[in-house]
């Protein structure tokens, strides 16, 4: 017969996630945001929402069909050197930029 262990609570019996957000799912790889899928009217706001939600040390990749120089200039103007950027792909069909929160 198998050994049966009785716990005082569900929390003791079931390992709890280490994340504080409670959503239950987390990307092990870098999240990648294809900005072309976001409506143009809210595109920069949505990108900034995603970027500004990165915890210190975390990173994400944004992907676009053009070099997003205006967006990168806005990021620097808003946050100075709190975010580092590095091109992963530089066109001509797709630009992919790694953005890391270094604050």
C-alpha atoms as a PDB file:
ATOM      1  CA  UNK A   1       0.000   0.000   0.000  1.00  0.00           C
ATOM      2  CA  UNK A   2       1.184   3.534  -0.834  1.00  0.00           C
ATOM      3  CA  UNK A   3       2.090   5.997   1.860  1.00  0.00           C
ATOM      4  CA  UNK A   4      -0.655   8.587   2.457  1.00  0.00           C
ATOM      5  CA  UNK A   5       0.212  11.978   3.840  1.00  0.00           C
ATOM      6  CA  UNK A   6      -2.443  14.267   5.349  1.00  0.00           C
ATOM      7  CA  UNK A   7      -1.867  18.026   5.323  1.00  0.00           C
ATOM      8  CA  UNK A   8      -3.568  20.685   7.439  1.00  0.00           C
ATOM      9  CA  UNK A   9      -4.459  22.897   4.467  1.00  0.00           C
ATOM     10  CA  UNK A  10      -4.499  22.996   0.687  1.00  0.00           C
ATOM     11  CA  UNK A  11      -1.585  25.474   0.799  1.00  0.00           C
ATOM     12  CA  UNK A  12       0.505  22.910   2.679  1.00  0.00           C
ATOM     13  CA  UNK A  13      -0.447  20.107   0.296  1.00  0.00           C
ATOM     14  CA  UNK A  14      -0.130  21.877  -3.059  1.00  0.00           C
ATOM     15  CA  UNK A  15       2.985  23.860  -3.953  1.00  0.00           C
ATOM     16  CA  UNK A  16       2.035  27.505  -4.493  1.00  0.00           C
ATOM     17  CA  UNK A  17       3.275  29.543  -7.450  1.00  0.00           C
ATOM     18  CA  UNK A  18       6.153  31.877  -6.677  1.00  0.00           C
ATOM     19  CA  UNK A  19       4.642  34.640  -8.793  1.00  0.00           C
ATOM     20  CA  UNK A  20       2.799  37.434  -7.079  1.00  0.00           C
ATOM     21  CA  UNK A  21       0.519  38.256 -10.004  1.00  0.00           C
ATOM     22  CA  UNK A  22      -1.811  35.270  -9.571  1.00  0.00           C
ATOM     23  CA  UNK A  23      -2.427  34.697 -13.280  1.00  0.00           C
ATOM     24  CA  UNK A  24      -0.973  31.191 -13.083  1.00  0.00           C
ATOM     25  CA  UNK A  25       1.041  31.305 -16.290  1.00  0.00           C
ATOM     26  CA  UNK A  26       4.450  32.737 -17.009  1.00  0.00           C
ATOM     27  CA  UNK A  27       6.673  32.754 -20.049  1.00  0.00           C
ATOM     28  CA  UNK A  28       9.978  31.013 -19.601  1.00  0.00           C
ATOM     29  CA  UNK A  29      11.187  32.606 -22.817  1.00  0.00           C
ATOM     30  CA  UNK A  30      11.266  36.297 -23.610  1.00  0.00           C
ATOM     31  CA  UNK A  31       7.808  37.560 -24.505  1.00  0.00           C
ATOM     32  CA  UNK A  32       7.631  38.957 -28.038  1.00  0.00           C
ATOM     33  CA  UNK A  33       5.129  41.617 -29.012  1.00  0.00           C
ATOM     34  CA  UNK A  34       4.340  41.965 -32.721  1.00  0.00           C
ATOM     35  CA  UNK A  35       3.359  45.617 -32.750  1.00  0.00           C
ATOM     36  CA  UNK A  36       1.658  45.335 -36.146  1.00  0.00           C
ATOM     37  CA  UNK A  37      -1.181  43.450 -34.429  1.00  0.00           C
ATOM     38  CA  UNK A  38      -2.015  46.492 -32.265  1.00  0.00           C
ATOM     39  CA  UNK A  39      -4.374  49.135 -33.742  1.00  0.00           C
ATOM     40  CA  UNK A  40      -2.373  52.183 -34.795  1.00  0.00           C
ATOM     41  CA  UNK A  41      -4.425  54.591 -32.650  1.00  0.00           C
ATOM     42  CA  UNK A  42      -3.280  52.895 -29.426  1.00  0.00           C
ATOM     43  CA  UNK A  43      -0.036  51.260 -30.560  1.00  0.00           C
ATOM     44  CA  UNK A  44       2.527  53.364 -28.663  1.00  0.00           C
ATOM     45  CA  UNK A  45       0.408  53.428 -25.510  1.00  0.00           C
ATOM     46  CA  UNK A  46       0.075  49.633 -25.583  1.00  0.00           C
ATOM     47  CA  UNK A  47       3.800  49.160 -26.169  1.00  0.00           C
ATOM     48  CA  UNK A  48       4.675  51.515 -23.325  1.00  0.00           C
ATOM     49  CA  UNK A  49       2.245  49.676 -21.064  1.00  0.00           C
ATOM     50  CA  UNK A  50       4.013  46.399 -21.815  1.00  0.00           C
ATOM     51  CA  UNK A  51       7.522  47.838 -21.509  1.00  0.00           C
ATOM     52  CA  UNK A  52       6.777  49.747 -18.306  1.00  0.00           C
ATOM     53  CA  UNK A  53       5.378  46.577 -16.707  1.00  0.00           C
ATOM     54  CA  UNK A  54       8.766  44.837 -16.952  1.00  0.00           C
ATOM     55  CA  UNK A  55      10.241  44.231 -13.526  1.00  0.00           C
ATOM     56  CA  UNK A  56      13.909  45.196 -13.021  1.00  0.00           C
ATOM     57  CA  UNK A  57      16.125  42.818 -14.978  1.00  0.00           C
ATOM     58  CA  UNK A  58      13.276  41.522 -17.146  1.00  0.00           C
ATOM     59  CA  UNK A  59      13.153  41.949 -20.899  1.00  0.00           C
ATOM     60  CA  UNK A  60      10.888  41.603 -23.889  1.00  0.00           C
ATOM     61  CA  UNK A  61      11.172  41.767 -27.667  1.00  0.00           C
ATOM     62  CA  UNK A  62       9.163  44.067 -29.877  1.00  0.00           C
ATOM     63  CA  UNK A  63       8.746  43.180 -33.537  1.00  0.00           C
ATOM     64  CA  UNK A  64       7.784  45.619 -36.304  1.00  0.00           C
ATOM     65  CA  UNK A  65       7.795  45.899 -40.078  1.00  0.00           C
ATOM     66  CA  UNK A  66       9.783  49.151 -39.874  1.00  0.00           C
ATOM     67  CA  UNK A  67      12.606  50.541 -37.767  1.00  0.00           C
ATOM     68  CA  UNK A  68      10.773  51.976 -34.716  1.00  0.00           C
ATOM     69  CA  UNK A  69      13.112  54.938 -34.194  1.00  0.00           C
ATOM     70  CA  UNK A  70      10.336  57.319 -32.998  1.00  0.00           C
ATOM     71  CA  UNK A  71       9.247  54.781 -30.377  1.00  0.00           C
ATOM     72  CA  UNK A  72      12.822  54.274 -29.166  1.00  0.00           C
ATOM     73  CA  UNK A  73      13.309  58.053 -28.942  1.00  0.00           C
ATOM     74  CA  UNK A  74      10.116  58.342 -26.881  1.00  0.00           C
ATOM     75  CA  UNK A  75      11.296  55.518 -24.606  1.00  0.00           C
ATOM     76  CA  UNK A  76      14.570  57.323 -23.963  1.00  0.00           C
ATOM     77  CA  UNK A  77      12.824  60.668 -23.428  1.00  0.00           C
ATOM     78  CA  UNK A  78      10.412  59.125 -20.908  1.00  0.00           C
ATOM     79  CA  UNK A  79      12.815  56.865 -19.022  1.00  0.00           C
ATOM     80  CA  UNK A  80      16.381  57.946 -19.770  1.00  0.00           C
ATOM     81  CA  UNK A  81      18.718  54.998 -19.412  1.00  0.00           C
ATOM     82  CA  UNK A  82      16.330  52.845 -17.324  1.00  0.00           C
ATOM     83  CA  UNK A  83      15.781  50.606 -20.375  1.00  0.00           C
ATOM     84  CA  UNK A  84      18.488  49.221 -22.638  1.00  0.00           C
ATOM     85  CA  UNK A  85      17.670  48.321 -26.224  1.00  0.00           C
ATOM     86  CA  UNK A  86      19.475  46.061 -28.684  1.00  0.00           C
ATOM     87  CA  UNK A  87      18.541  45.156 -32.225  1.00  0.00           C
ATOM     88  CA  UNK A  88      18.151  41.423 -32.797  1.00  0.00           C
ATOM     89  CA  UNK A  89      17.066  41.801 -36.446  1.00  0.00           C
ATOM     90  CA  UNK A  90      17.439  44.944 -38.587  1.00  0.00           C
ATOM     91  CA  UNK A  91      15.103  44.551 -41.548  1.00  0.00           C
ATOM     92  CA  UNK A  92      14.431  44.826 -44.309  1.00  0.00           C
ATOM     93  CA  UNK A  93      11.183  42.905 -43.646  1.00  0.00           C
ATOM     94  CA  UNK A  94      11.220  42.729 -39.844  1.00  0.00           C
ATOM     95  CA  UNK A  95      12.925  44.667 -37.059  1.00  0.00           C
ATOM     96  CA  UNK A  96      13.159  42.949 -33.675  1.00  0.00           C
ATOM     97  CA  UNK A  97      14.429  44.873 -30.645  1.00  0.00           C
ATOM     98  CA  UNK A  98      15.246  43.520 -27.216  1.00  0.00           C
ATOM     99  CA  UNK A  99      14.163  45.930 -24.470  1.00  0.00           C
ATOM    100  CA  UNK A 100      15.445  45.297 -20.927  1.00  0.00           C
ATOM    101  CA  UNK A 101      14.550  47.112 -17.709  1.00  0.00           C
ATOM    102  CA  UNK A 102      17.908  47.860 -16.100  1.00  0.00           C
ATOM    103  CA  UNK A 103      16.580  50.148 -13.359  1.00  0.00           C
END
